[in-house]
Amino acid sequence: MGWLWAIIVGFVLGLIARAILPGKQHQPLWLTTVFGIIGAVLGNAVATWIGVGETRGIDWIRHLLQLAGAVLVVGLGDVVYGKLRGGRRHAA
């Protein structure tokens, strides 16, 4: 059941990250989900590293770090995906 939650959380975080980032992202939805999962794992690692990985109540700081990780990974992943796909067309 843990893998299902990872996919759901990754999907939601990836979509929120895409909404936060300016402009249009060109990666497919499945890749956004993967980037969201990676960002959540990165955010959890940072939260554990700074000592706020497990707190009583709602872990707001951990969730914000997960979102920040997702924004970072989705943003960088879009750049890499664009370069691998042969560049982007710029609107005039």
N, C-alpha and C. Protein backbone atom coordinates (compact mmCIF):
# COMPACT_ATOMS: atom_id res chain seq x y z
N MET A 1 0.81 -1.20 0.00
CA MET A 1 0.00 0.00 0.00
C MET A 1 0.86 1.26 0.00
N GLY A 2 2.10 1.16 0.48
CA GLY A 2 2.98 2.31 0.52
C GLY A 2 3.33 2.84 -0.86
N TRP A 3 3.49 1.93 -1.83
CA TRP A 3 3.81 2.35 -3.19
C TRP A 3 2.66 3.11 -3.82
N LEU A 4 1.41 2.73 -3.47
CA LEU A 4 0.24 3.42 -4.00
C LEU A 4 0.19 4.87 -3.48
N TRP A 5 0.47 5.04 -2.19
CA TRP A 5 0.51 6.39 -1.62
C TRP A 5 1.62 7.21 -2.23
N ALA A 6 2.76 6.57 -2.51
CA ALA A 6 3.87 7.29 -3.14
C ALA A 6 3.47 7.81 -4.51
N ILE A 7 2.73 7.00 -5.28
CA ILE A 7 2.27 7.43 -6.59
C ILE A 7 1.26 8.56 -6.48
N ILE A 8 0.32 8.43 -5.54
CA ILE A 8 -0.70 9.47 -5.37
C ILE A 8 -0.07 10.78 -4.92
N VAL A 9 0.79 10.71 -3.92
CA VAL A 9 1.45 11.92 -3.42
C VAL A 9 2.34 12.53 -4.50
N GLY A 10 3.07 11.69 -5.23
CA GLY A 10 3.91 12.17 -6.32
C GLY A 10 3.11 12.85 -7.41
N PHE A 11 1.95 12.29 -7.73
CA PHE A 11 1.06 12.88 -8.73
C PHE A 11 0.58 14.25 -8.29
N VAL A 12 0.10 14.34 -7.05
CA VAL A 12 -0.42 15.61 -6.53
C VAL A 12 0.69 16.65 -6.42
N LEU A 13 1.83 16.26 -5.86
CA LEU A 13 2.95 17.21 -5.74
C LEU A 13 3.45 17.64 -7.10
N GLY A 14 3.51 16.73 -8.06
CA GLY A 14 3.94 17.08 -9.41
C GLY A 14 3.00 18.09 -10.06
N LEU A 15 1.70 17.89 -9.88
CA LEU A 15 0.73 18.83 -10.44
C LEU A 15 0.82 20.20 -9.78
N ILE A 16 0.98 20.22 -8.46
CA ILE A 16 1.11 21.50 -7.76
C ILE A 16 2.40 22.20 -8.20
N ALA A 17 3.48 21.43 -8.34
CA ALA A 17 4.75 22.02 -8.79
C ALA A 17 4.61 22.61 -10.19
N ARG A 18 3.90 21.91 -11.09
CA ARG A 18 3.68 22.44 -12.43
C ARG A 18 2.87 23.73 -12.39
N ALA A 19 1.92 23.81 -11.46
CA ALA A 19 1.11 25.02 -11.34
C ALA A 19 1.92 26.18 -10.79
N ILE A 20 2.88 25.89 -9.92
CA ILE A 20 3.70 26.94 -9.33
C ILE A 20 4.73 27.48 -10.32
N LEU A 21 5.31 26.58 -11.12
CA LEU A 21 6.35 26.99 -12.06
C LEU A 21 5.77 27.87 -13.16
N PRO A 22 6.49 28.93 -13.52
CA PRO A 22 5.99 29.80 -14.59
C PRO A 22 6.16 29.13 -15.95
N GLY A 23 5.29 29.49 -16.87
CA GLY A 23 5.37 28.95 -18.22
C GLY A 23 4.74 27.57 -18.32
N LYS A 24 4.89 26.99 -19.48
CA LYS A 24 4.32 25.68 -19.75
C LYS A 24 5.40 24.62 -19.66
N GLN A 25 5.13 23.57 -18.92
CA GLN A 25 6.05 22.45 -18.86
C GLN A 25 5.66 21.46 -19.95
N HIS A 26 6.66 20.81 -20.53
CA HIS A 26 6.41 19.99 -21.70
C HIS A 26 6.55 18.49 -21.44
N GLN A 27 6.84 18.10 -20.21
CA GLN A 27 6.96 16.67 -19.96
C GLN A 27 5.57 16.05 -19.82
N PRO A 28 5.46 14.76 -20.14
CA PRO A 28 4.15 14.09 -20.01
C PRO A 28 3.75 13.93 -18.54
N LEU A 29 2.49 13.63 -18.33
CA LEU A 29 1.94 13.53 -16.98
C LEU A 29 2.61 12.41 -16.17
N TRP A 30 2.93 11.30 -16.81
CA TRP A 30 3.56 10.21 -16.07
C TRP A 30 4.94 10.64 -15.56
N LEU A 31 5.65 11.44 -16.36
CA LEU A 31 6.97 11.91 -15.94
C LEU A 31 6.84 12.95 -14.83
N THR A 32 5.79 13.77 -14.88
CA THR A 32 5.52 14.71 -13.79
C THR A 32 5.30 13.96 -12.49
N THR A 33 4.60 12.83 -12.55
CA THR A 33 4.36 12.01 -11.37
C THR A 33 5.67 11.44 -10.83
N VAL A 34 6.52 10.95 -11.72
CA VAL A 34 7.82 10.43 -11.29
C VAL A 34 8.65 11.53 -10.65
N PHE A 35 8.66 12.72 -11.28
CA PHE A 35 9.40 13.85 -10.72
C PHE A 35 8.82 14.24 -9.36
N GLY A 36 7.50 14.18 -9.20
CA GLY A 36 6.88 14.48 -7.91
C GLY A 36 7.28 13.50 -6.84
N ILE A 37 7.38 12.22 -7.20
CA ILE A 37 7.81 11.19 -6.25
C ILE A 37 9.26 11.46 -5.82
N ILE A 38 10.12 11.75 -6.80
CA ILE A 38 11.52 12.03 -6.49
C ILE A 38 11.63 13.28 -5.60
N GLY A 39 10.83 14.30 -5.91
CA GLY A 39 10.84 15.52 -5.08
C GLY A 39 10.38 15.26 -3.66
N ALA A 40 9.37 14.39 -3.50
CA ALA A 40 8.89 14.05 -2.16
C ALA A 40 9.96 13.31 -1.37
N VAL A 41 10.65 12.39 -2.02
CA VAL A 41 11.73 11.66 -1.36
C VAL A 41 12.85 12.62 -0.96
N LEU A 42 13.19 13.53 -1.86
CA LEU A 42 14.21 14.54 -1.57
C LEU A 42 13.78 15.42 -0.39
N GLY A 43 12.52 15.87 -0.38
CA GLY A 43 12.01 16.67 0.73
C GLY A 43 12.02 15.92 2.05
N ASN A 44 11.68 14.63 2.02
CA ASN A 44 11.73 13.82 3.24
C ASN A 44 13.16 13.69 3.75
N ALA A 45 14.10 13.52 2.83
CA ALA A 45 15.50 13.39 3.24
C ALA A 45 15.98 14.68 3.91
N VAL A 46 15.64 15.82 3.33
CA VAL A 46 16.05 17.10 3.92
C VAL A 46 15.37 17.30 5.27
N ALA A 47 14.09 16.94 5.37
CA ALA A 47 13.37 17.08 6.64
C ALA A 47 14.01 16.22 7.73
N THR A 48 14.39 15.01 7.39
CA THR A 48 15.05 14.14 8.35
C THR A 48 16.42 14.70 8.73
N TRP A 49 17.13 15.22 7.74
CA TRP A 49 18.47 15.77 7.95
C TRP A 49 18.45 16.96 8.91
N ILE A 50 17.42 17.82 8.79
CA ILE A 50 17.36 18.99 9.69
C ILE A 50 16.58 18.72 10.97
N GLY A 51 16.06 17.49 11.11
CA GLY A 51 15.44 17.09 12.37
C GLY A 51 13.95 17.31 12.48
N VAL A 52 13.26 17.51 11.37
CA VAL A 52 11.80 17.72 11.43
C VAL A 52 11.06 16.65 10.63
N GLY A 53 11.68 15.50 10.46
CA GLY A 53 11.07 14.43 9.69
C GLY A 53 9.86 13.83 10.38
N GLU A 54 9.90 13.75 11.69
CA GLU A 54 8.80 13.19 12.48
C GLU A 54 8.49 14.14 13.63
N THR A 55 7.33 14.75 13.59
CA THR A 55 6.89 15.63 14.67
C THR A 55 5.48 15.22 15.07
N ARG A 56 5.03 15.74 16.19
CA ARG A 56 3.65 15.48 16.59
C ARG A 56 2.72 16.35 15.79
N GLY A 57 1.58 15.82 15.42
CA GLY A 57 0.62 16.60 14.64
C GLY A 57 0.94 16.53 13.16
N ILE A 58 0.54 17.55 12.45
CA ILE A 58 0.76 17.60 11.01
C ILE A 58 2.18 18.12 10.76
N ASP A 59 2.90 17.42 9.92
CA ASP A 59 4.29 17.79 9.62
C ASP A 59 4.33 18.83 8.51
N TRP A 60 3.96 20.07 8.84
CA TRP A 60 3.88 21.13 7.83
C TRP A 60 5.23 21.42 7.18
N ILE A 61 6.27 21.44 8.00
CA ILE A 61 7.59 21.75 7.44
C ILE A 61 8.02 20.65 6.48
N ARG A 62 7.79 19.40 6.84
CA ARG A 62 8.14 18.28 5.96
C ARG A 62 7.36 18.37 4.66
N HIS A 63 6.08 18.70 4.74
CA HIS A 63 5.26 18.81 3.53
C HIS A 63 5.73 19.96 2.64
N LEU A 64 6.09 21.07 3.25
CA LEU A 64 6.63 22.19 2.46
C LEU A 64 7.95 21.83 1.81
N LEU A 65 8.79 21.09 2.51
CA LEU A 65 10.05 20.64 1.92
C LEU A 65 9.81 19.65 0.78
N GLN A 66 8.80 18.80 0.92
CA GLN A 66 8.44 17.89 -0.18
C GLN A 66 7.99 18.68 -1.39
N LEU A 67 7.18 19.70 -1.18
CA LEU A 67 6.71 20.53 -2.29
C LEU A 67 7.87 21.28 -2.93
N ALA A 68 8.76 21.81 -2.11
CA ALA A 68 9.94 22.51 -2.65
C ALA A 68 10.80 21.55 -3.47
N GLY A 69 10.97 20.34 -2.98
CA GLY A 69 11.72 19.33 -3.72
C GLY A 69 11.05 19.00 -5.04
N ALA A 70 9.72 18.90 -5.03
CA ALA A 70 8.98 18.61 -6.27
C ALA A 70 9.12 19.75 -7.26
N VAL A 71 9.03 20.99 -6.78
CA VAL A 71 9.19 22.14 -7.68
C VAL A 71 10.59 22.12 -8.31
N LEU A 72 11.59 21.85 -7.50
CA LEU A 72 12.96 21.80 -7.99
C LEU A 72 13.13 20.69 -9.04
N VAL A 73 12.67 19.49 -8.72
CA VAL A 73 12.85 18.35 -9.63
C VAL A 73 12.02 18.50 -10.89
N VAL A 74 10.77 18.98 -10.78
CA VAL A 74 9.95 19.18 -11.96
C VAL A 74 10.56 20.26 -12.86
N GLY A 75 11.05 21.33 -12.27
CA GLY A 75 11.67 22.40 -13.05
C GLY A 75 12.92 21.93 -13.77
N LEU A 76 13.81 21.26 -13.04
CA LEU A 76 15.04 20.75 -13.66
C LEU A 76 14.73 19.63 -14.65
N GLY A 77 13.79 18.79 -14.28
CA GLY A 77 13.41 17.67 -15.17
C GLY A 77 12.82 18.16 -16.48
N ASP A 78 12.08 19.25 -16.44
CA ASP A 78 11.51 19.79 -17.67
C ASP A 78 12.61 20.30 -18.60
N VAL A 79 13.63 20.92 -18.02
CA VAL A 79 14.76 21.40 -18.83
C VAL A 79 15.48 20.22 -19.48
N VAL A 80 15.76 19.20 -18.68
CA VAL A 80 16.45 18.02 -19.22
C VAL A 80 15.59 17.32 -20.26
N TYR A 81 14.30 17.18 -19.98
CA TYR A 81 13.40 16.53 -20.93
C TYR A 81 13.35 17.31 -22.24
N GLY A 82 13.31 18.62 -22.16
CA GLY A 82 13.31 19.45 -23.37
C GLY A 82 14.57 19.29 -24.19
N LYS A 83 15.71 19.19 -23.51
CA LYS A 83 16.98 19.01 -24.23
C LYS A 83 17.06 17.63 -24.86
N LEU A 84 16.56 16.62 -24.16
CA LEU A 84 16.57 15.26 -24.71
C LEU A 84 15.62 15.11 -25.90
N ARG A 85 14.56 15.88 -25.88
CA ARG A 85 13.58 15.81 -26.97
C ARG A 85 13.99 16.66 -28.17
N GLY A 86 15.14 17.30 -28.11
CA GLY A 86 15.64 18.06 -29.25
C GLY A 86 15.32 19.53 -29.20
N GLY A 87 15.19 20.06 -28.02
CA GLY A 87 14.92 21.50 -27.90
C GLY A 87 13.44 21.78 -27.92
N ARG A 88 13.12 23.04 -27.81
CA ARG A 88 11.72 23.47 -27.77
C ARG A 88 11.47 24.48 -28.86
N ARG A 89 10.25 24.53 -29.25
CA ARG A 89 9.82 25.58 -30.17
C ARG A 89 9.40 26.78 -29.36
N HIS A 90 9.88 27.93 -29.72
CA HIS A 90 9.52 29.16 -29.01
C HIS A 90 8.43 29.87 -29.79
N ALA A 91 7.40 30.29 -29.08
CA ALA A 91 6.31 31.04 -29.72
C ALA A 91 6.78 32.46 -30.02
N ALA A 92 6.36 32.96 -31.15
CA ALA A 92 6.78 34.31 -31.54
C ALA A 92 5.86 35.36 -30.96
